[in-house]
Protein backbone atom coordinates (compact mmCIF):
# COMPACT_ATOMS: atom_id res chain seq x y z
CA MET A 1 -130.75 93.27 59.86
CA ARG A 2 -133.24 96.02 60.73
CA HIS A 3 -133.65 96.85 64.41
CA VAL A 4 -137.14 97.73 65.66
CA ALA A 5 -138.41 98.84 69.06
CA PHE A 6 -141.99 98.63 70.29
CA LEU A 7 -142.66 101.15 73.06
CA VAL A 8 -145.67 99.98 75.06
CA LEU A 9 -147.57 102.45 77.24
CA PRO A 10 -149.98 101.49 80.07
CA GLU A 11 -153.30 100.03 78.88
CA PHE A 12 -151.90 99.25 75.42
CA SER A 13 -153.52 96.53 73.31
CA HIS A 14 -151.94 93.12 73.90
CA LEU A 15 -153.46 91.96 70.61
CA GLY A 16 -151.86 94.94 68.87
CA LEU A 17 -148.40 94.06 70.13
CA ALA A 18 -148.76 90.44 69.01
CA ALA A 19 -150.04 91.52 65.59
CA ALA A 20 -147.05 93.83 65.17
CA ILE A 21 -144.40 91.29 66.17
CA GLU A 22 -145.71 88.05 64.62
CA PRO A 23 -145.11 89.08 60.97
CA LEU A 24 -141.47 89.86 61.86
CA PHE A 25 -141.05 86.47 63.52
CA VAL A 26 -142.57 84.69 60.51
CA ALA A 27 -140.29 86.68 58.17
CA ASN A 28 -137.21 85.55 60.11
CA TRP A 29 -138.45 81.98 60.25
CA LEU A 30 -139.08 81.83 56.51
CA SER A 31 -135.71 83.43 55.77
CA GLN A 32 -133.93 81.16 58.25
CA SER A 33 -131.93 84.24 59.18
CA PRO A 34 -132.47 87.29 61.42
CA VAL A 35 -133.79 89.76 58.87
CA PHE A 36 -135.44 91.73 61.66
CA ASP A 37 -134.56 92.17 65.30
CA TRP A 38 -137.02 93.65 67.75
CA LYS A 39 -137.33 94.56 71.39
CA ILE A 40 -140.18 95.63 73.63
CA ILE A 41 -139.44 98.67 75.76
CA SER A 42 -141.23 100.77 78.36
CA VAL A 43 -140.59 104.26 79.67
CA ASP A 44 -138.79 103.07 82.79
CA GLY A 45 -137.83 99.50 81.85
CA LYS A 46 -140.48 98.00 84.10
CA PRO A 47 -143.22 95.56 82.96
CA VAL A 48 -146.38 97.19 81.59
CA ARG A 49 -149.97 96.07 82.06
CA ALA A 50 -152.01 95.77 78.88
CA SER A 51 -155.72 96.61 78.66
CA ASN A 52 -156.57 92.91 79.03
CA ARG A 53 -154.71 92.89 82.38
CA ILE A 54 -151.78 90.83 81.13
CA VAL A 55 -148.52 92.24 82.46
CA VAL A 56 -145.91 92.21 79.72
CA PRO A 57 -142.19 92.05 80.54
CA VAL A 58 -139.93 94.36 78.53
CA ASP A 59 -136.35 94.35 77.31
CA GLY A 60 -135.41 97.73 78.72
CA ASP A 61 -136.23 101.42 78.99
CA LEU A 62 -136.10 104.19 76.38
CA THR A 63 -132.30 104.08 76.19
CA SER A 64 -132.52 100.46 75.01
CA ALA A 65 -133.71 101.66 71.61
CA ALA A 66 -130.50 103.52 70.85
CA THR A 67 -129.60 101.24 67.92
CA CYS A 68 -133.12 100.97 66.49
CA THR A 69 -133.93 102.55 63.14
CA THR A 70 -137.70 102.15 63.59
CA VAL A 71 -139.78 102.76 66.71
CA PHE A 72 -143.47 101.99 67.04
CA VAL A 73 -145.43 103.54 69.91
CA LEU A 74 -148.38 101.46 71.16
CA ALA A 75 -151.17 102.93 73.25
CA SER A 76 -154.86 102.11 73.47
CA PHE A 77 -157.05 103.12 76.41
CA GLU A 78 -156.51 106.31 78.37
CA PRO A 79 -154.63 108.27 75.68
CA ASP A 80 -154.63 111.33 77.97
CA ARG A 81 -152.59 109.34 80.47
CA ALA A 82 -150.12 108.56 77.70
CA LEU A 83 -149.87 112.24 76.78
CA ARG A 84 -148.91 113.06 80.35
CA GLU A 85 -145.74 111.06 79.75
CA ARG A 86 -143.87 114.21 78.70
CA ARG A 87 -140.61 112.29 78.86
CA VAL A 88 -141.86 110.15 75.99
CA VAL A 89 -142.92 113.18 73.95
CA ARG A 90 -139.47 114.73 74.38
CA TRP A 91 -137.83 111.43 73.52
CA VAL A 92 -139.68 110.89 70.23
CA LYS A 93 -138.88 114.49 69.24
CA ARG A 94 -135.20 113.82 69.84
CA ILE A 95 -134.95 110.53 67.98
CA ALA A 96 -136.93 112.01 65.07
CA ARG A 97 -134.12 114.53 64.59
CA PHE A 98 -131.76 111.61 64.06
CA GLY A 99 -133.90 110.18 61.25
CA VAL A 100 -135.55 107.35 63.15
CA GLU A 101 -138.66 106.04 61.41
CA LEU A 102 -141.58 106.53 63.81
CA GLY A 103 -144.90 104.72 63.92
CA GLY A 104 -147.99 105.25 66.00
CA ILE A 105 -150.22 102.23 66.51
CA GLU A 106 -153.80 102.97 67.58
CA ASN A 107 -153.58 105.77 70.17
CA GLY A 108 -149.80 105.71 70.00
CA SER A 109 -150.34 108.31 67.28
CA PHE A 110 -151.43 110.73 70.03
CA ILE A 111 -147.84 110.77 71.30
CA LEU A 112 -146.39 111.55 67.88
CA ALA A 113 -149.01 114.22 67.25
CA SER A 114 -148.41 115.79 70.66
CA ALA A 115 -144.72 116.07 69.73
CA GLY A 116 -145.72 117.90 66.54
CA LEU A 117 -144.32 115.09 64.40
CA LEU A 118 -147.57 114.49 62.48
CA ASN A 119 -148.35 118.10 61.52
CA GLY A 120 -149.36 118.15 57.88
CA HIS A 121 -149.24 114.36 57.68
CA ARG A 122 -152.04 111.98 56.83
CA VAL A 123 -152.89 110.08 60.03
CA ALA A 124 -154.85 106.83 60.22
CA VAL A 125 -157.11 106.99 63.28
CA HIS A 126 -159.66 104.46 64.54
CA TRP A 127 -163.17 105.70 63.73
CA ASP A 128 -164.10 105.74 67.42
CA ASN A 129 -161.24 108.15 68.21
CA LEU A 130 -161.40 110.27 65.08
CA LEU A 131 -163.46 113.08 66.57
CA GLY A 132 -161.21 113.54 69.58
CA PHE A 133 -158.05 113.39 67.46
CA GLU A 134 -159.38 116.08 65.11
CA GLN A 135 -160.20 118.31 68.06
CA GLN A 136 -156.80 117.94 69.73
CA PHE A 137 -154.54 118.04 66.67
CA PRO A 138 -156.04 120.32 64.00
CA ALA A 139 -152.67 120.64 62.22
CA THR A 140 -152.79 116.96 61.23
CA ARG A 141 -154.87 115.28 58.51
CA PRO A 142 -156.65 112.42 60.30
CA ALA A 143 -158.63 109.88 58.32
CA ALA A 144 -160.64 106.75 59.08
CA GLN A 145 -158.39 104.54 56.97
CA LEU A 146 -156.48 101.39 57.94
CA PHE A 147 -152.95 102.75 58.02
CA ALA A 148 -150.92 105.55 56.47
CA ARG A 149 -147.33 106.18 55.49
CA SER A 150 -146.17 109.76 55.08
CA GLY A 151 -142.41 110.08 54.72
CA ASP A 152 -140.84 108.43 57.74
CA ARG A 153 -144.08 108.62 59.72
CA ILE A 154 -146.39 105.60 59.94
CA THR A 155 -149.76 105.48 61.66
CA CYS A 156 -152.21 102.64 62.07
CA ALA A 157 -155.80 102.54 63.32
CA GLY A 158 -155.09 99.32 65.21
CA ALA A 159 -156.71 95.88 65.53
CA SER A 160 -156.55 93.71 62.38
CA ALA A 161 -155.14 96.61 60.34
CA ILE A 162 -151.83 96.16 62.20
CA LEU A 163 -151.20 92.91 60.32
CA ASP A 164 -151.80 94.65 56.99
CA MET A 165 -149.50 97.50 58.00
CA MET A 166 -146.66 95.22 59.08
CA ILE A 167 -146.88 93.20 55.88
CA ALA A 168 -146.64 96.47 53.93
CA TRP A 169 -143.80 97.62 56.20
CA ILE A 170 -141.75 94.50 55.40
CA GLY A 171 -142.24 95.24 51.71
CA TRP A 172 -141.29 98.92 52.11
CA HIS A 173 -137.93 97.87 53.47
CA GLY A 174 -136.83 95.81 50.50
CA HIS A 175 -138.54 92.49 51.10
CA ALA A 176 -141.62 92.55 48.88
CA ASP A 177 -141.50 88.85 48.02
CA LEU A 178 -140.95 87.93 51.65
CA ALA A 179 -143.90 90.11 52.63
CA ASP A 180 -146.15 88.13 50.29
CA GLU A 181 -144.93 84.88 51.81
CA VAL A 182 -145.58 86.13 55.34
CA ALA A 183 -149.11 87.14 54.38
CA GLU A 184 -149.71 83.69 52.92
CA HIS A 185 -148.51 81.94 56.08
CA LEU A 186 -150.70 84.20 58.22
CA LEU A 187 -153.70 83.23 56.04
CA LEU A 188 -154.33 86.85 55.13
CA GLY A 189 -155.00 86.20 51.47
CA VAL A 190 -154.93 89.56 49.72
CA THR A 191 -153.68 92.16 52.19
CA ARG A 192 -155.54 95.44 52.42
CA VAL A 193 -153.99 98.72 51.34
CA GLY A 194 -153.60 101.48 53.86
CA GLU A 195 -155.98 103.84 52.11
CA MET A 196 -158.86 101.41 52.46
CA GLU A 197 -161.71 102.90 54.44
CA GLN A 198 -162.35 101.38 57.82
CA GLY A 199 -165.53 99.39 58.23
CA LEU A 200 -168.33 101.62 59.40
CA ALA A 201 -169.63 101.32 62.93
CA PRO A 202 -171.72 98.12 63.15
CA ALA A 203 -175.12 99.74 63.09
CA GLU A 204 -174.16 101.89 60.12
CA GLY A 205 -172.79 99.04 58.07
CA GLN A 206 -175.99 97.07 58.39
CA ARG A 207 -177.98 99.91 56.85
CA ARG A 208 -175.81 100.53 53.83
CA HIS A 209 -178.28 98.69 51.65
CA ASP A 210 -181.06 101.18 52.44
CA SER A 211 -180.16 104.37 50.63
CA VAL A 212 -182.99 106.43 52.14
CA VAL A 213 -181.98 105.65 55.72
CA ALA A 214 -178.30 106.20 54.88
CA ASN A 215 -179.11 109.54 53.25
CA ALA A 216 -181.23 110.62 56.21
CA GLU A 217 -178.46 109.73 58.66
CA ALA A 218 -175.93 111.64 56.56
CA ILE A 219 -178.18 114.69 56.81
CA MET A 220 -178.43 114.21 60.57
CA ARG A 221 -174.66 114.04 60.97
CA THR A 222 -174.18 117.36 59.19
CA HIS A 223 -176.73 119.06 61.48
CA LEU A 224 -175.77 118.02 64.99
CA ASP A 225 -175.33 121.37 66.70
CA GLU A 226 -178.54 122.77 65.19
CA PRO A 227 -180.84 119.76 64.68
CA LEU A 228 -183.41 119.75 61.91
CA SER A 229 -187.01 118.71 62.41
CA CYS A 230 -188.00 115.23 61.31
CA ASP A 231 -190.32 116.81 58.71
CA VAL A 232 -187.38 118.63 57.11
CA ILE A 233 -185.28 115.46 57.06
CA ALA A 234 -188.14 113.58 55.39
CA ARG A 235 -188.55 116.26 52.71
CA ARG A 236 -184.83 116.27 51.97
CA THR A 237 -184.95 112.54 51.31
CA GLY A 238 -187.97 112.94 49.05
CA LEU A 239 -190.37 111.08 51.33
CA SER A 240 -193.21 112.01 53.61
CA LEU A 241 -192.69 111.82 57.35
CA ARG A 242 -194.91 108.76 57.53
CA GLN A 243 -192.93 106.99 54.80
CA ILE A 244 -189.53 107.67 56.32
CA GLU A 245 -190.73 106.66 59.76
CA ARG A 246 -191.77 103.33 58.26
CA ARG A 247 -188.30 102.88 56.71
CA PHE A 248 -186.55 103.62 59.99
CA LYS A 249 -188.80 101.22 61.92
CA GLN A 250 -188.08 98.52 59.34
CA HIS A 251 -184.31 98.95 59.00
CA VAL A 252 -183.24 100.55 62.28
CA GLY A 253 -185.92 99.48 64.74
CA CYS A 254 -186.64 102.96 66.08
CA SER A 255 -188.18 106.28 65.04
CA VAL A 256 -186.37 109.01 63.12
CA LEU A 257 -186.26 111.20 66.23
CA GLN A 258 -184.86 108.39 68.37
CA ARG A 259 -182.12 107.68 65.85
CA TYR A 260 -181.28 111.38 65.53
CA ARG A 261 -180.90 111.76 69.27
CA PHE A 262 -178.79 108.63 69.42
CA ILE A 263 -176.38 110.01 66.81
CA ARG A 264 -176.11 113.24 68.78
CA MET A 265 -175.50 111.34 72.02
CA THR A 266 -172.82 109.27 70.29
CA LYS A 267 -170.94 112.45 69.46
CA ALA A 268 -171.45 113.72 73.01
CA HIS A 269 -170.02 110.48 74.41
CA GLN A 270 -166.91 110.85 72.24
CA LEU A 271 -166.44 114.54 73.05
CA LEU A 272 -166.73 113.95 76.77
CA GLN A 273 -164.21 111.11 76.80
CA GLN A 274 -161.78 112.48 74.22
CA THR A 275 -161.71 116.28 74.72
CA ASP A 276 -161.55 118.87 77.48
CA LEU A 277 -164.78 120.60 76.47
CA SER A 278 -167.10 121.35 79.38
CA VAL A 279 -170.39 119.47 79.76
CA THR A 280 -172.28 122.60 78.67
CA GLN A 281 -170.07 123.00 75.59
CA VAL A 282 -170.62 119.36 74.66
CA ALA A 283 -174.38 119.71 75.10
CA LEU A 284 -174.49 122.74 72.81
CA ALA A 285 -172.18 121.11 70.23
CA CYS A 286 -174.63 118.20 70.04
CA GLY A 287 -177.76 120.31 69.68
CA PHE A 288 -179.04 120.32 73.26
CA SER A 289 -179.87 123.89 74.27
CA SER A 290 -180.71 122.74 77.81
CA PRO A 291 -177.72 121.22 79.64
CA GLU A 292 -180.12 119.88 82.29
CA TYR A 293 -182.13 117.95 79.70
CA PHE A 294 -178.89 116.68 78.14
CA CYS A 295 -177.69 115.43 81.52
CA ARG A 296 -180.97 113.57 82.14
CA LEU A 297 -180.75 111.85 78.76
CA TYR A 298 -177.11 110.99 79.29
CA ARG A 299 -177.72 109.52 82.71
CA ALA A 300 -180.58 107.40 81.36
CA LEU A 301 -178.38 106.09 78.56
CA PHE A 302 -175.09 105.48 80.39
CA ASP A 303 -176.23 105.17 83.98
CA CYS A 304 -173.84 107.97 84.96
CA SER A 305 -173.75 111.74 84.62
CA PRO A 306 -171.73 113.38 81.81
CA SER A 307 -169.37 114.90 84.37
CA LYS A 308 -168.42 111.38 85.49
CA ASP A 309 -167.63 110.19 81.95
CA ARG A 310 -164.41 112.07 81.17
CA ARG A 311 -161.94 109.23 80.68
CA GLN A 312 -161.60 106.75 77.82
CA SER A 313 -160.74 103.82 80.06
CA THR A 314 -161.74 100.17 80.31
CA SER A 315 -164.02 101.04 83.22
CA ALA A 316 -165.77 103.95 81.47
CA PRO A 317 -169.33 103.68 80.05
CA VAL A 318 -169.53 101.91 76.70
CA LEU A 319 -171.83 102.65 73.78
CA ARG A 320 -172.79 99.28 72.30
CA HIS A 321 -174.70 98.91 69.04
CA THR A 322 -177.31 96.15 68.86
CA PRO A 323 -178.02 94.11 65.70
CA ARG A 324 -181.17 96.18 65.13
CA GLY A 325 -179.25 99.43 65.19
CA GLY A 326 -180.08 100.45 68.73
CA TYR A 327 -177.67 100.32 71.64
CA LYS A 328 -177.14 98.81 75.06
CA ARG A 329 -175.95 100.13 78.37
CA ARG A 330 -172.92 98.66 80.15
CA ASP A 331 -175.24 96.38 82.12
CA GLY A 332 -176.55 94.93 78.85
CA GLN A 333 -180.04 96.39 79.14
CA SER A 334 -181.55 97.88 76.02
CA SER A 335 -181.61 101.67 76.19
CA GLN A 336 -183.50 102.28 72.97
CA ARG A 337 -186.38 103.84 74.86
CA VAL A 338 -184.39 106.68 76.45
CA VAL A 339 -183.84 108.47 73.16
């Protein structure tokens, strides 16, 4: 029997915990024997509130995992709060020296990276957190893939990819046939491999079919700190400005300039919430030479100033993509016009 511990940190994903445990339960049920044993633990042994406000009881504190050969760390919102749990960072360093297999689920990987346990390793990071992870942990090799296994380090981007990872994990530990059975009972069909690229952000995925728009956006993303003119972007795609404007109106629902500014503001939103860069540094990194102008745009888009948007929490401003490729403010109003 393999013993597993799931360390849950405040604001973790309740869905993520269920997705991690259910395949183990199904494996035991199918085997009619305890192939896997698991426990949920917290730092201090007290219940932990998930991001959906459900308070989850636990089986003990960090010492309760003494017999476990695998430990998964689960964190979601407020990764900076998780990193302040220095006791956890010291603990994962210590158990790593004893050969414990360590996994980071969603922002649980921040804990492992902070402990230096992912240096040089491929790390699967959710696309929305990729920029911040790269900034904070340059010694790692983050990628927008579903999950990754590098030696005795496992990382997962979260959400539905957790099911794929756990099915693979069951197979890695000598139960390949059982893993296939579990996947069948969970109606997964063909499970996805870890190296599979994550689905693009909604607005991007809907424009894959238009190569000109996709090419133009790729050019924009490589010139964020020093933006190009719309004329230059048009020429690089082989179209006139009038032609490319028509394509953007048709497939995105806004002008080239509006889309370009939106992409830059998306990066700014991520940098503000996921790094310690100052507002002025973020503005310059996103191609806004005037911090005052940047602040006006940001306030119009998110209904708050950049200086008030420094935490990746459930109450922080949200960037929502609309079906037409625009975006909405937290209050649901369309903010296409502000960019």
